[in-house]
Amino acid sequence: EFGVELPPGVEARVGDRTAEMRYLGAPRRPAGTEGLDESELADLVTRDSMVGTAVLPAVAPGSRSA
């Protein structure tokens, strides 16, 4: 519905929330970010990735300082 294309092997689960129940999801760590610290990772996160309507892209080697 939002145009998100999930990579092969990725499963999406949808749940209905209520006043008593909330679901929390965290964006998947992008490939190429193994050497990044917490602050650098936080810079990559977008609103859409937090609500599940976007997938964070891989980071090319050398494109960010680690």
PDB file of N, CA and C in Angstrom:
ATOM      1  N   GLU A   1       0.811  -1.195   0.000  1.00  0.00           N
ATOM      2  CA  GLU A   1       0.000   0.000   0.000  1.00  0.00           C
ATOM      3  C   GLU A   1       0.857   1.262   0.000  1.00  0.00           C
ATOM      4  N   PHE A   2       2.021   1.229   0.614  1.00  0.00           N
ATOM      5  CA  PHE A   2       2.894   2.396   0.652  1.00  0.00           C
ATOM      6  C   PHE A   2       4.013   2.307  -0.375  1.00  0.00           C
ATOM      7  N   GLY A   3       4.009   1.261  -1.187  1.00  0.00           N
ATOM      8  CA  GLY A   3       5.036   1.107  -2.196  1.00  0.00           C
ATOM      9  C   GLY A   3       6.341   0.534  -1.685  1.00  0.00           C
ATOM     10  N   VAL A   4       6.322  -0.052  -0.509  1.00  0.00           N
ATOM     11  CA  VAL A   4       7.537  -0.633   0.061  1.00  0.00           C
ATOM     12  C   VAL A   4       7.775  -2.005  -0.554  1.00  0.00           C
ATOM     13  N   GLU A   5       8.978  -2.218  -1.058  1.00  0.00           N
ATOM     14  CA  GLU A   5       9.366  -3.516  -1.610  1.00  0.00           C
ATOM     15  C   GLU A   5      10.328  -4.166  -0.631  1.00  0.00           C
ATOM     16  N   LEU A   6       9.941  -5.290  -0.064  1.00  0.00           N
ATOM     17  CA  LEU A   6      10.787  -5.993   0.896  1.00  0.00           C
ATOM     18  C   LEU A   6      11.719  -6.950   0.171  1.00  0.00           C
ATOM     19  N   PRO A   7      12.953  -7.061   0.671  1.00  0.00           N
ATOM     20  CA  PRO A   7      13.895  -8.000   0.058  1.00  0.00           C
ATOM     21  C   PRO A   7      13.395  -9.439   0.213  1.00  0.00           C
ATOM     22  N   PRO A   8      13.832 -10.335  -0.662  1.00  0.00           N
ATOM     23  CA  PRO A   8      13.462 -11.746  -0.525  1.00  0.00           C
ATOM     24  C   PRO A   8      13.857 -12.272   0.854  1.00  0.00           C
ATOM     25  N   GLY A   9      12.996 -13.081   1.427  1.00  0.00           N
ATOM     26  CA  GLY A   9      13.279 -13.660   2.735  1.00  0.00           C
ATOM     27  C   GLY A   9      12.852 -12.803   3.915  1.00  0.00           C
ATOM     28  N   VAL A  10      12.339 -11.599   3.656  1.00  0.00           N
ATOM     29  CA  VAL A  10      11.879 -10.723   4.735  1.00  0.00           C
ATOM     30  C   VAL A  10      10.379 -10.905   4.892  1.00  0.00           C
ATOM     31  N   GLU A  11       9.959 -11.123   6.122  1.00  0.00           N
ATOM     32  CA  GLU A  11       8.548 -11.340   6.420  1.00  0.00           C
ATOM     33  C   GLU A  11       7.973 -10.103   7.091  1.00  0.00           C
ATOM     34  N   ALA A  12       6.788  -9.687   6.683  1.00  0.00           N
ATOM     35  CA  ALA A  12       6.091  -8.573   7.314  1.00  0.00           C
ATOM     36  C   ALA A  12       4.900  -9.124   8.085  1.00  0.00           C
ATOM     37  N   ARG A  13       4.731  -8.630   9.290  1.00  0.00           N
ATOM     38  CA  ARG A  13       3.574  -9.016  10.108  1.00  0.00           C
ATOM     39  C   ARG A  13       2.800  -7.760  10.463  1.00  0.00           C
ATOM     40  N   VAL A  14       1.507  -7.845  10.361  1.00  0.00           N
ATOM     41  CA  VAL A  14       0.650  -6.704  10.639  1.00  0.00           C
ATOM     42  C   VAL A  14      -0.257  -7.061  11.800  1.00  0.00           C
ATOM     43  N   GLY A  15      -0.344  -6.165  12.756  1.00  0.00           N
ATOM     44  CA  GLY A  15      -1.223  -6.380  13.901  1.00  0.00           C
ATOM     45  C   GLY A  15      -2.085  -5.149  14.120  1.00  0.00           C
ATOM     46  N   ASP A  16      -3.236  -5.344  14.692  1.00  0.00           N
ATOM     47  CA  ASP A  16      -4.138  -4.243  14.985  1.00  0.00           C
ATOM     48  C   ASP A  16      -3.879  -3.775  16.407  1.00  0.00           C
ATOM     49  N   ARG A  17      -3.668  -2.485  16.583  1.00  0.00           N
ATOM     50  CA  ARG A  17      -3.417  -1.977  17.926  1.00  0.00           C
ATOM     51  C   ARG A  17      -4.720  -1.517  18.566  1.00  0.00           C
ATOM     52  N   THR A  18      -4.721  -1.509  19.873  1.00  0.00           N
ATOM     53  CA  THR A  18      -5.876  -1.046  20.639  1.00  0.00           C
ATOM     54  C   THR A  18      -5.377  -0.056  21.677  1.00  0.00           C
ATOM     55  N   ALA A  19      -6.281   0.490  22.471  1.00  0.00           N
ATOM     56  CA  ALA A  19      -5.885   1.409  23.532  1.00  0.00           C
ATOM     57  C   ALA A  19      -5.006   0.709  24.563  1.00  0.00           C
ATOM     58  N   GLU A  20      -5.169  -0.605  24.704  1.00  0.00           N
ATOM     59  CA  GLU A  20      -4.402  -1.361  25.692  1.00  0.00           C
ATOM     60  C   GLU A  20      -3.141  -2.002  25.112  1.00  0.00           C
ATOM     61  N   MET A  21      -3.044  -2.095  23.803  1.00  0.00           N
ATOM     62  CA  MET A  21      -1.928  -2.830  23.183  1.00  0.00           C
ATOM     63  C   MET A  21      -1.265  -1.970  22.119  1.00  0.00           C
ATOM     64  N   ARG A  22       0.054  -1.855  22.197  1.00  0.00           N
ATOM     65  CA  ARG A  22       0.834  -1.164  21.174  1.00  0.00           C
ATOM     66  C   ARG A  22       1.932  -2.097  20.701  1.00  0.00           C
ATOM     67  N   TYR A  23       2.344  -1.940  19.456  1.00  0.00           N
ATOM     68  CA  TYR A  23       3.433  -2.734  18.893  1.00  0.00           C
ATOM     69  C   TYR A  23       4.631  -1.830  18.656  1.00  0.00           C
ATOM     70  N   LEU A  24       5.793  -2.352  18.882  1.00  0.00           N
ATOM     71  CA  LEU A  24       7.024  -1.605  18.674  1.00  0.00           C
ATOM     72  C   LEU A  24       7.859  -2.338  17.642  1.00  0.00           C
ATOM     73  N   GLY A  25       8.331  -1.613  16.680  1.00  0.00           N
ATOM     74  CA  GLY A  25       9.215  -2.198  15.679  1.00  0.00           C
ATOM     75  C   GLY A  25      10.440  -1.323  15.528  1.00  0.00           C
ATOM     76  N   ALA A  26      11.533  -1.923  15.227  1.00  0.00           N
ATOM     77  CA  ALA A  26      12.768  -1.177  14.990  1.00  0.00           C
ATOM     78  C   ALA A  26      13.217  -1.440  13.563  1.00  0.00           C
ATOM     79  N   PRO A  27      13.745  -0.416  12.901  1.00  0.00           N
ATOM     80  CA  PRO A  27      14.206  -0.649  11.539  1.00  0.00           C
ATOM     81  C   PRO A  27      15.363  -1.634  11.505  1.00  0.00           C
ATOM     82  N   ARG A  28      15.418  -2.413  10.456  1.00  0.00           N
ATOM     83  CA  ARG A  28      16.510  -3.370  10.262  1.00  0.00           C
ATOM     84  C   ARG A  28      17.804  -2.597  10.022  1.00  0.00           C
ATOM     85  N   ARG A  29      18.884  -3.077  10.617  1.00  0.00           N
ATOM     86  CA  ARG A  29      20.179  -2.430  10.438  1.00  0.00           C
ATOM     87  C   ARG A  29      20.613  -2.567   8.976  1.00  0.00           C
ATOM     88  N   PRO A  30      20.911  -1.450   8.297  1.00  0.00           N
ATOM     89  CA  PRO A  30      21.317  -1.527   6.898  1.00  0.00           C
ATOM     90  C   PRO A  30      22.683  -2.194   6.734  1.00  0.00           C
ATOM     91  N   ALA A  31      22.848  -2.896   5.625  1.00  0.00           N
ATOM     92  CA  ALA A  31      24.145  -3.490   5.309  1.00  0.00           C
ATOM     93  C   ALA A  31      25.183  -2.377   5.193  1.00  0.00           C
ATOM     94  N   GLY A  32      26.405  -2.670   5.599  1.00  0.00           N
ATOM     95  CA  GLY A  32      27.491  -1.703   5.488  1.00  0.00           C
ATOM     96  C   GLY A  32      27.616  -0.760   6.666  1.00  0.00           C
ATOM     97  N   THR A  33      26.826  -0.996   7.736  1.00  0.00           N
ATOM     98  CA  THR A  33      26.868  -0.086   8.891  1.00  0.00           C
ATOM     99  C   THR A  33      27.518  -0.718  10.117  1.00  0.00           C
ATOM    100  N   GLU A  34      28.184  -1.834   9.922  1.00  0.00           N
ATOM    101  CA  GLU A  34      28.741  -2.569  11.060  1.00  0.00           C
ATOM    102  C   GLU A  34      29.713  -1.728  11.891  1.00  0.00           C
ATOM    103  N   GLY A  35      30.436  -0.797  11.267  1.00  0.00           N
ATOM    104  CA  GLY A  35      31.414   0.008  11.997  1.00  0.00           C
ATOM    105  C   GLY A  35      30.875   1.326  12.520  1.00  0.00           C
ATOM    106  N   LEU A  36      29.593   1.609  12.296  1.00  0.00           N
ATOM    107  CA  LEU A  36      29.037   2.888  12.731  1.00  0.00           C
ATOM    108  C   LEU A  36      28.651   2.842  14.205  1.00  0.00           C
ATOM    109  N   ASP A  37      28.818   3.986  14.873  1.00  0.00           N
ATOM    110  CA  ASP A  37      28.416   4.049  16.278  1.00  0.00           C
ATOM    111  C   ASP A  37      26.929   4.429  16.368  1.00  0.00           C
ATOM    112  N   GLU A  38      26.419   4.491  17.581  1.00  0.00           N
ATOM    113  CA  GLU A  38      24.989   4.739  17.794  1.00  0.00           C
ATOM    114  C   GLU A  38      24.529   6.054  17.172  1.00  0.00           C
ATOM    115  N   SER A  39      25.332   7.094  17.308  1.00  0.00           N
ATOM    116  CA  SER A  39      24.974   8.400  16.760  1.00  0.00           C
ATOM    117  C   SER A  39      24.906   8.362  15.234  1.00  0.00           C
ATOM    118  N   GLU A  40      25.864   7.703  14.608  1.00  0.00           N
ATOM    119  CA  GLU A  40      25.868   7.596  13.149  1.00  0.00           C
ATOM    120  C   GLU A  40      24.685   6.768  12.652  1.00  0.00           C
ATOM    121  N   LEU A  41      24.344   5.716  13.383  1.00  0.00           N
ATOM    122  CA  LEU A  41      23.177   4.914  13.016  1.00  0.00           C
ATOM    123  C   LEU A  41      21.898   5.736  13.152  1.00  0.00           C
ATOM    124  N   ALA A  42      21.801   6.524  14.222  1.00  0.00           N
ATOM    125  CA  ALA A  42      20.607   7.348  14.443  1.00  0.00           C
ATOM    126  C   ALA A  42      20.405   8.339  13.302  1.00  0.00           C
ATOM    127  N   ASP A  43      21.501   8.831  12.724  1.00  0.00           N
ATOM    128  CA  ASP A  43      21.402   9.768  11.602  1.00  0.00           C
ATOM    129  C   ASP A  43      20.765   9.135  10.368  1.00  0.00           C
ATOM    130  N   LEU A  44      20.831   7.822  10.250  1.00  0.00           N
ATOM    131  CA  LEU A  44      20.282   7.123   9.086  1.00  0.00           C
ATOM    132  C   LEU A  44      18.778   6.871   9.193  1.00  0.00           C
ATOM    133  N   VAL A  45      18.263   6.827  10.408  1.00  0.00           N
ATOM    134  CA  VAL A  45      16.868   6.449  10.639  1.00  0.00           C
ATOM    135  C   VAL A  45      15.931   7.572  10.201  1.00  0.00           C
ATOM    136  N   THR A  46      14.866   7.182   9.526  1.00  0.00           N
ATOM    137  CA  THR A  46      13.855   8.144   9.092  1.00  0.00           C
ATOM    138  C   THR A  46      12.520   7.822   9.763  1.00  0.00           C
ATOM    139  N   ARG A  47      11.621   8.770   9.729  1.00  0.00           N
ATOM    140  CA  ARG A  47      10.282   8.541  10.276  1.00  0.00           C
ATOM    141  C   ARG A  47       9.636   7.351   9.577  1.00  0.00           C
ATOM    142  N   ASP A  48       9.750   7.316   8.255  1.00  0.00           N
ATOM    143  CA  ASP A  48       9.115   6.238   7.505  1.00  0.00           C
ATOM    144  C   ASP A  48       9.692   4.870   7.862  1.00  0.00           C
ATOM    145  N   SER A  49      10.995   4.811   8.132  1.00  0.00           N
ATOM    146  CA  SER A  49      11.580   3.517   8.508  1.00  0.00           C
ATOM    147  C   SER A  49      11.091   3.075   9.885  1.00  0.00           C
ATOM    148  N   MET A  50      10.765   4.026  10.743  1.00  0.00           N
ATOM    149  CA  MET A  50      10.276   3.683  12.081  1.00  0.00           C
ATOM    150  C   MET A  50       8.832   3.200  12.064  1.00  0.00           C
ATOM    151  N   VAL A  51       8.035   3.675  11.114  1.00  0.00           N
ATOM    152  CA  VAL A  51       6.635   3.255  11.065  1.00  0.00           C
ATOM    153  C   VAL A  51       6.404   2.131  10.063  1.00  0.00           C
ATOM    154  N   GLY A  52       7.483   1.676   9.427  1.00  0.00           N
ATOM    155  CA  GLY A  52       7.381   0.514   8.552  1.00  0.00           C
ATOM    156  C   GLY A  52       6.980   0.795   7.125  1.00  0.00           C
ATOM    157  N   THR A  53       7.061   2.058   6.700  1.00  0.00           N
ATOM    158  CA  THR A  53       6.693   2.373   5.322  1.00  0.00           C
ATOM    159  C   THR A  53       7.906   2.640   4.438  1.00  0.00           C
ATOM    160  N   ALA A  54       9.108   2.346   4.956  1.00  0.00           N
ATOM    161  CA  ALA A  54      10.337   2.483   4.169  1.00  0.00           C
ATOM    162  C   ALA A  54      11.364   1.499   4.704  1.00  0.00           C
ATOM    163  N   VAL A  55      12.261   1.105   3.824  1.00  0.00           N
ATOM    164  CA  VAL A  55      13.374   0.231   4.200  1.00  0.00           C
ATOM    165  C   VAL A  55      14.644   1.060   4.073  1.00  0.00           C
ATOM    166  N   LEU A  56      15.483   1.049   5.105  1.00  0.00           N
ATOM    167  CA  LEU A  56      16.735   1.801   5.036  1.00  0.00           C
ATOM    168  C   LEU A  56      17.666   1.169   4.014  1.00  0.00           C
ATOM    169  N   PRO A  57      18.276   1.985   3.153  1.00  0.00           N
ATOM    170  CA  PRO A  57      19.177   1.434   2.137  1.00  0.00           C
ATOM    171  C   PRO A  57      20.523   1.041   2.731  1.00  0.00           C
ATOM    172  N   ALA A  58      21.228   0.171   2.025  1.00  0.00           N
ATOM    173  CA  ALA A  58      22.584  -0.209   2.427  1.00  0.00           C
ATOM    174  C   ALA A  58      23.486   1.012   2.317  1.00  0.00           C
ATOM    175  N   VAL A  59      24.527   1.037   3.132  1.00  0.00           N
ATOM    176  CA  VAL A  59      25.509   2.117   3.100  1.00  0.00           C
ATOM    177  C   VAL A  59      26.733   1.608   2.356  1.00  0.00           C
ATOM    178  N   ALA A  60      27.146   2.340   1.330  1.00  0.00           N
ATOM    179  CA  ALA A  60      28.308   1.934   0.539  1.00  0.00           C
ATOM    180  C   ALA A  60      29.577   2.071   1.377  1.00  0.00           C
ATOM    181  N   PRO A  61      30.499   1.123   1.261  1.00  0.00           N
ATOM    182  CA  PRO A  61      31.764   1.207   2.005  1.00  0.00           C
ATOM    183  C   PRO A  61      32.471   2.526   1.713  1.00  0.00           C
ATOM    184  N   GLY A  62      32.933   3.175   2.782  1.00  0.00           N
ATOM    185  CA  GLY A  62      33.663   4.428   2.639  1.00  0.00           C
ATOM    186  C   GLY A  62      32.807   5.654   2.433  1.00  0.00           C
ATOM    187  N   SER A  63      31.479   5.495   2.378  1.00  0.00           N
ATOM    188  CA  SER A  63      30.621   6.655   2.149  1.00  0.00           C
ATOM    189  C   SER A  63      30.356   7.439   3.429  1.00  0.00           C
ATOM    190  N   ARG A  64      30.650   6.828   4.577  1.00  0.00           N
ATOM    191  CA  ARG A  64      30.499   7.491   5.878  1.00  0.00           C
ATOM    192  C   ARG A  64      31.733   7.194   6.688  1.00  0.00           C
ATOM    193  N   SER A  65      32.083   8.128   7.550  1.00  0.00           N
ATOM    194  CA  SER A  65      33.220   7.852   8.434  1.00  0.00           C
ATOM    195  C   SER A  65      32.765   6.950   9.555  1.00  0.00           C
ATOM    196  N   ALA A  66      33.557   5.950   9.871  1.00  0.00           N
ATOM    197  CA  ALA A  66      33.192   4.995  10.921  1.00  0.00           C
ATOM    198  C   ALA A  66      33.893   5.321  12.210  1.00  0.00           C
TER     199      ALA A  66
END
